[in-house]
C-alpha atoms as a PDB file:
ATOM      1  CA  MET A   1     118.519 111.863  99.732  1.00  0.00           C
ATOM      2  CA  PRO A   2     116.416 113.241  96.368  1.00  0.00           C
ATOM      3  CA  THR A   3     114.459 116.095  96.473  1.00  0.00           C
ATOM      4  CA  GLY A   4     110.539 115.683  97.064  1.00  0.00           C
ATOM      5  CA  GLN A   5     110.606 116.761  92.899  1.00  0.00           C
ATOM      6  CA  ALA A   6     112.734 113.664  92.097  1.00  0.00           C
ATOM      7  CA  VAL A   7     110.438 111.127  93.738  1.00  0.00           C
ATOM      8  CA  ALA A   8     106.934 112.521  92.772  1.00  0.00           C
ATOM      9  CA  GLN A   9     108.474 112.607  88.737  1.00  0.00           C
ATOM     10  CA  ALA A  10     110.203 109.168  89.219  1.00  0.00           C
ATOM     11  CA  LEU A  11     106.692 107.887  90.834  1.00  0.00           C
ATOM     12  CA  GLY A  12     104.949 109.380  87.652  1.00  0.00           C
ATOM     13  CA  LYS A  13     103.193 111.949  90.169  1.00  0.00           C
ATOM     14  CA  THR A  14     102.693 115.780  88.950  1.00  0.00           C
ATOM     15  CA  PRO A  15     105.209 117.303  91.223  1.00  0.00           C
ATOM     16  CA  LEU A  16     104.442 120.738  93.359  1.00  0.00           C
ATOM     17  CA  THR A  17     104.858 123.699  91.853  1.00  0.00           C
ATOM     18  CA  PRO A  18     106.924 125.972  93.631  1.00  0.00           C
ATOM     19  CA  ALA A  19     104.152 128.525  94.891  1.00  0.00           C
ATOM     20  CA  GLN A  20     101.903 125.577  96.504  1.00  0.00           C
ATOM     21  CA  ILE A  21     105.595 124.455  98.716  1.00  0.00           C
ATOM     22  CA  GLN A  22     105.570 127.610  99.443  1.00  0.00           C
ATOM     23  CA  ALA A  23     101.993 128.467 100.397  1.00  0.00           C
ATOM     24  CA  ALA A  24     102.677 125.144 102.880  1.00  0.00           C
ATOM     25  CA  ALA A  25     105.472 127.445 104.572  1.00  0.00           C
ATOM     26  CA  ALA A  26     103.853 128.167 108.187  1.00  0.00           C
ATOM     27  CA  SER A  27     105.713 131.719 109.014  1.00  0.00           C
ATOM     28  CA  PRO A  28     107.637 134.396 106.657  1.00  0.00           C
ATOM     29  CA  ASN A  29     111.012 133.189 108.196  1.00  0.00           C
ATOM     30  CA  GLN A  30     109.804 129.705 106.497  1.00  0.00           C
ATOM     31  CA  VAL A  31     109.195 131.089 103.267  1.00  0.00           C
ATOM     32  CA  MET A  32     112.480 133.221 103.179  1.00  0.00           C
ATOM     33  CA  THR A  33     114.320 129.592 104.309  1.00  0.00           C
ATOM     34  CA  LEU A  34     112.484 127.962 101.194  1.00  0.00           C
ATOM     35  CA  GLN A  35     113.502 131.011  98.787  1.00  0.00           C
ATOM     36  CA  ASN A  36     117.353 131.656  99.942  1.00  0.00           C
ATOM     37  CA  GLY A  37     117.851 128.184  99.896  1.00  0.00           C
ATOM     38  CA  GLY A  38     116.238 126.989  96.916  1.00  0.00           C
ATOM     39  CA  PHE A  39     114.272 124.597  98.343  1.00  0.00           C
ATOM     40  CA  LEU A  40     111.465 125.518  96.401  1.00  0.00           C
ATOM     41  CA  SER A  41     112.549 123.853  93.210  1.00  0.00           C
ATOM     42  CA  ARG A  42     115.069 121.295  94.933  1.00  0.00           C
ATOM     43  CA  THR A  43     112.465 120.796  98.193  1.00  0.00           C
ATOM     44  CA  PRO A  44     114.128 118.332 101.072  1.00  0.00           C
ATOM     45  CA  LEU A  45     112.008 115.071 100.963  1.00  0.00           C
ATOM     46  CA  TRP A  46     110.687 115.348 103.920  1.00  0.00           C
ATOM     47  CA  TYR A  47     109.133 118.829 104.142  1.00  0.00           C
ATOM     48  CA  TYR A  48     107.866 117.970 100.390  1.00  0.00           C
ATOM     49  CA  VAL A  49     106.175 115.600 101.913  1.00  0.00           C
ATOM     50  CA  LEU A  50     104.581 117.871 104.517  1.00  0.00           C
ATOM     51  CA  ALA A  51     104.059 120.712 101.915  1.00  0.00           C
ATOM     52  CA  GLU A  52     102.009 117.934  99.822  1.00  0.00           C
ATOM     53  CA  ALA A  53      99.698 117.270 102.578  1.00  0.00           C
ATOM     54  CA  ALA A  54      99.038 120.505 103.508  1.00  0.00           C
ATOM     55  CA  HIS A  55      97.996 121.242  99.824  1.00  0.00           C
ATOM     56  CA  GLY A  56      95.278 118.714  99.862  1.00  0.00           C
ATOM     57  CA  GLY A  57      93.833 120.096 102.792  1.00  0.00           C
ATOM     58  CA  GLY A  58      95.721 118.877 105.597  1.00  0.00           C
ATOM     59  CA  GLN A  59      93.891 115.893 106.756  1.00  0.00           C
ATOM     60  CA  ARG A  60      95.839 112.829 104.602  1.00  0.00           C
ATOM     61  CA  LEU A  61      99.487 111.927 103.119  1.00  0.00           C
ATOM     62  CA  GLY A  62      99.286 113.351  98.942  1.00  0.00           C
ATOM     63  CA  PRO A  63     100.364 110.934  96.443  1.00  0.00           C
ATOM     64  CA  VAL A  64     104.884 110.859  97.601  1.00  0.00           C
ATOM     65  CA  GLY A  65     104.141 110.392 100.922  1.00  0.00           C
ATOM     66  CA  SER A  66     100.990 107.873 100.989  1.00  0.00           C
ATOM     67  CA  THR A  67     103.014 105.702  97.912  1.00  0.00           C
ATOM     68  CA  ILE A  68     106.069 105.690 100.622  1.00  0.00           C
ATOM     69  CA  VAL A  69     104.505 104.733 103.509  1.00  0.00           C
ATOM     70  CA  ALA A  70     102.674 102.146 101.160  1.00  0.00           C
ATOM     71  CA  GLU A  71     105.341 100.913  99.937  1.00  0.00           C
ATOM     72  CA  VAL A  72     107.369 100.784 103.061  1.00  0.00           C
ATOM     73  CA  LEU A  73     104.568  98.631 104.486  1.00  0.00           C
ATOM     74  CA  VAL A  74     104.639  95.872 102.021  1.00  0.00           C
ATOM     75  CA  GLY A  75     108.239  95.356 102.152  1.00  0.00           C
ATOM     76  CA  LEU A  76     108.063  94.421 105.850  1.00  0.00           C
ATOM     77  CA  VAL A  77     105.327  92.546 104.727  1.00  0.00           C
ATOM     78  CA  ARG A  78     107.045  90.390 102.337  1.00  0.00           C
ATOM     79  CA  ARG A  79     110.150  90.358 104.296  1.00  0.00           C
ATOM     80  CA  SER A  80     108.693  88.903 107.637  1.00  0.00           C
ATOM     81  CA  PRO A  81     109.092  85.670 108.343  1.00  0.00           C
ATOM     82  CA  ASP A  82     105.644  85.273 109.725  1.00  0.00           C
ATOM     83  CA  SER A  83     103.889  87.264 106.418  1.00  0.00           C
ATOM     84  CA  ILE A  84     100.878  85.324 104.440  1.00  0.00           C
ATOM     85  CA  PHE A  85     103.773  85.613 101.529  1.00  0.00           C
ATOM     86  CA  LYS A  86     105.869  82.805 103.029  1.00  0.00           C
ATOM     87  CA  GLY A  87     105.126  79.404 102.841  1.00  0.00           C
ATOM     88  CA  LYS A  88     101.954  77.646 101.613  1.00  0.00           C
ATOM     89  CA  ARG A  89     101.433  79.230  98.208  1.00  0.00           C
ATOM     90  CA  HIS A  90      97.364  78.249  98.442  1.00  0.00           C
ATOM     91  CA  ARG A  91      96.619  79.156 101.907  1.00  0.00           C
ATOM     92  CA  ARG A  92      92.721  79.719 101.833  1.00  0.00           C
ATOM     93  CA  PRO A  93      91.288  82.581 104.916  1.00  0.00           C
ATOM     94  CA  SER A  94      89.497  80.519 107.522  1.00  0.00           C
ATOM     95  CA  LEU A  95      87.879  83.541 109.196  1.00  0.00           C
ATOM     96  CA  PRO A  96      84.123  83.699 108.645  1.00  0.00           C
ATOM     97  CA  SER A  97      83.413  85.427 105.132  1.00  0.00           C
ATOM     98  CA  SER A  98      80.218  86.511 103.343  1.00  0.00           C
ATOM     99  CA  SER A  99      81.872  84.049 100.034  1.00  0.00           C
ATOM    100  CA  PRO A 100      84.219  80.879 101.110  1.00  0.00           C
ATOM    101  CA  GLY A 101      87.648  81.083 100.483  1.00  0.00           C
ATOM    102  CA  THR A 102      87.985  84.537 100.348  1.00  0.00           C
ATOM    103  CA  PHE A 103      88.450  87.475 102.750  1.00  0.00           C
ATOM    104  CA  THR A 104      87.633  91.116 102.182  1.00  0.00           C
ATOM    105  CA  LEU A 105      87.509  94.727 103.767  1.00  0.00           C
ATOM    106  CA  ALA A 106      84.134  94.268 104.442  1.00  0.00           C
ATOM    107  CA  ASP A 107      84.392  91.097 105.867  1.00  0.00           C
ATOM    108  CA  LEU A 108      86.883  92.540 108.353  1.00  0.00           C
ATOM    109  CA  LEU A 109      84.621  95.484 108.974  1.00  0.00           C
ATOM    110  CA  ARG A 110      81.415  92.895 110.090  1.00  0.00           C
ATOM    111  CA  LEU A 111      84.210  90.803 112.282  1.00  0.00           C
ATOM    112  CA  ALA A 112      85.197  94.065 113.967  1.00  0.00           C
ATOM    113  CA  GLY A 113      81.439  94.685 114.747  1.00  0.00           C
ATOM    114  CA  THR A 114      81.521  98.048 112.648  1.00  0.00           C
ATOM    115  CA  LEU A 115      79.592  97.223 109.593  1.00  0.00           C
ATOM    116  CA  THR A 116      76.368  94.939 109.755  1.00  0.00           C
END
């Protein structure tokens, strides 16, 4: 499995610094493990995603983590036999929308009753 830094670079993102990775540690024992294992410069991907989220405030995934999740979801949609990408190429939405023939996020929110 590639390191978090390798994935960040492959995605064209600036990798976290060793100090940023160390700052995400929850305890002095974690800091020591990161240092002794050489993980500050070659961080396991799973820990890198957690450190990236912590560096951004801890409420959301960072660039690497969110890209991984998005790519997985897109891959699942593309491989699903029920996907909008299968079958007819020129489908048109039939749900109510503000502009006929389109369906935007705002239309979805209106349909859900969360946007007037």
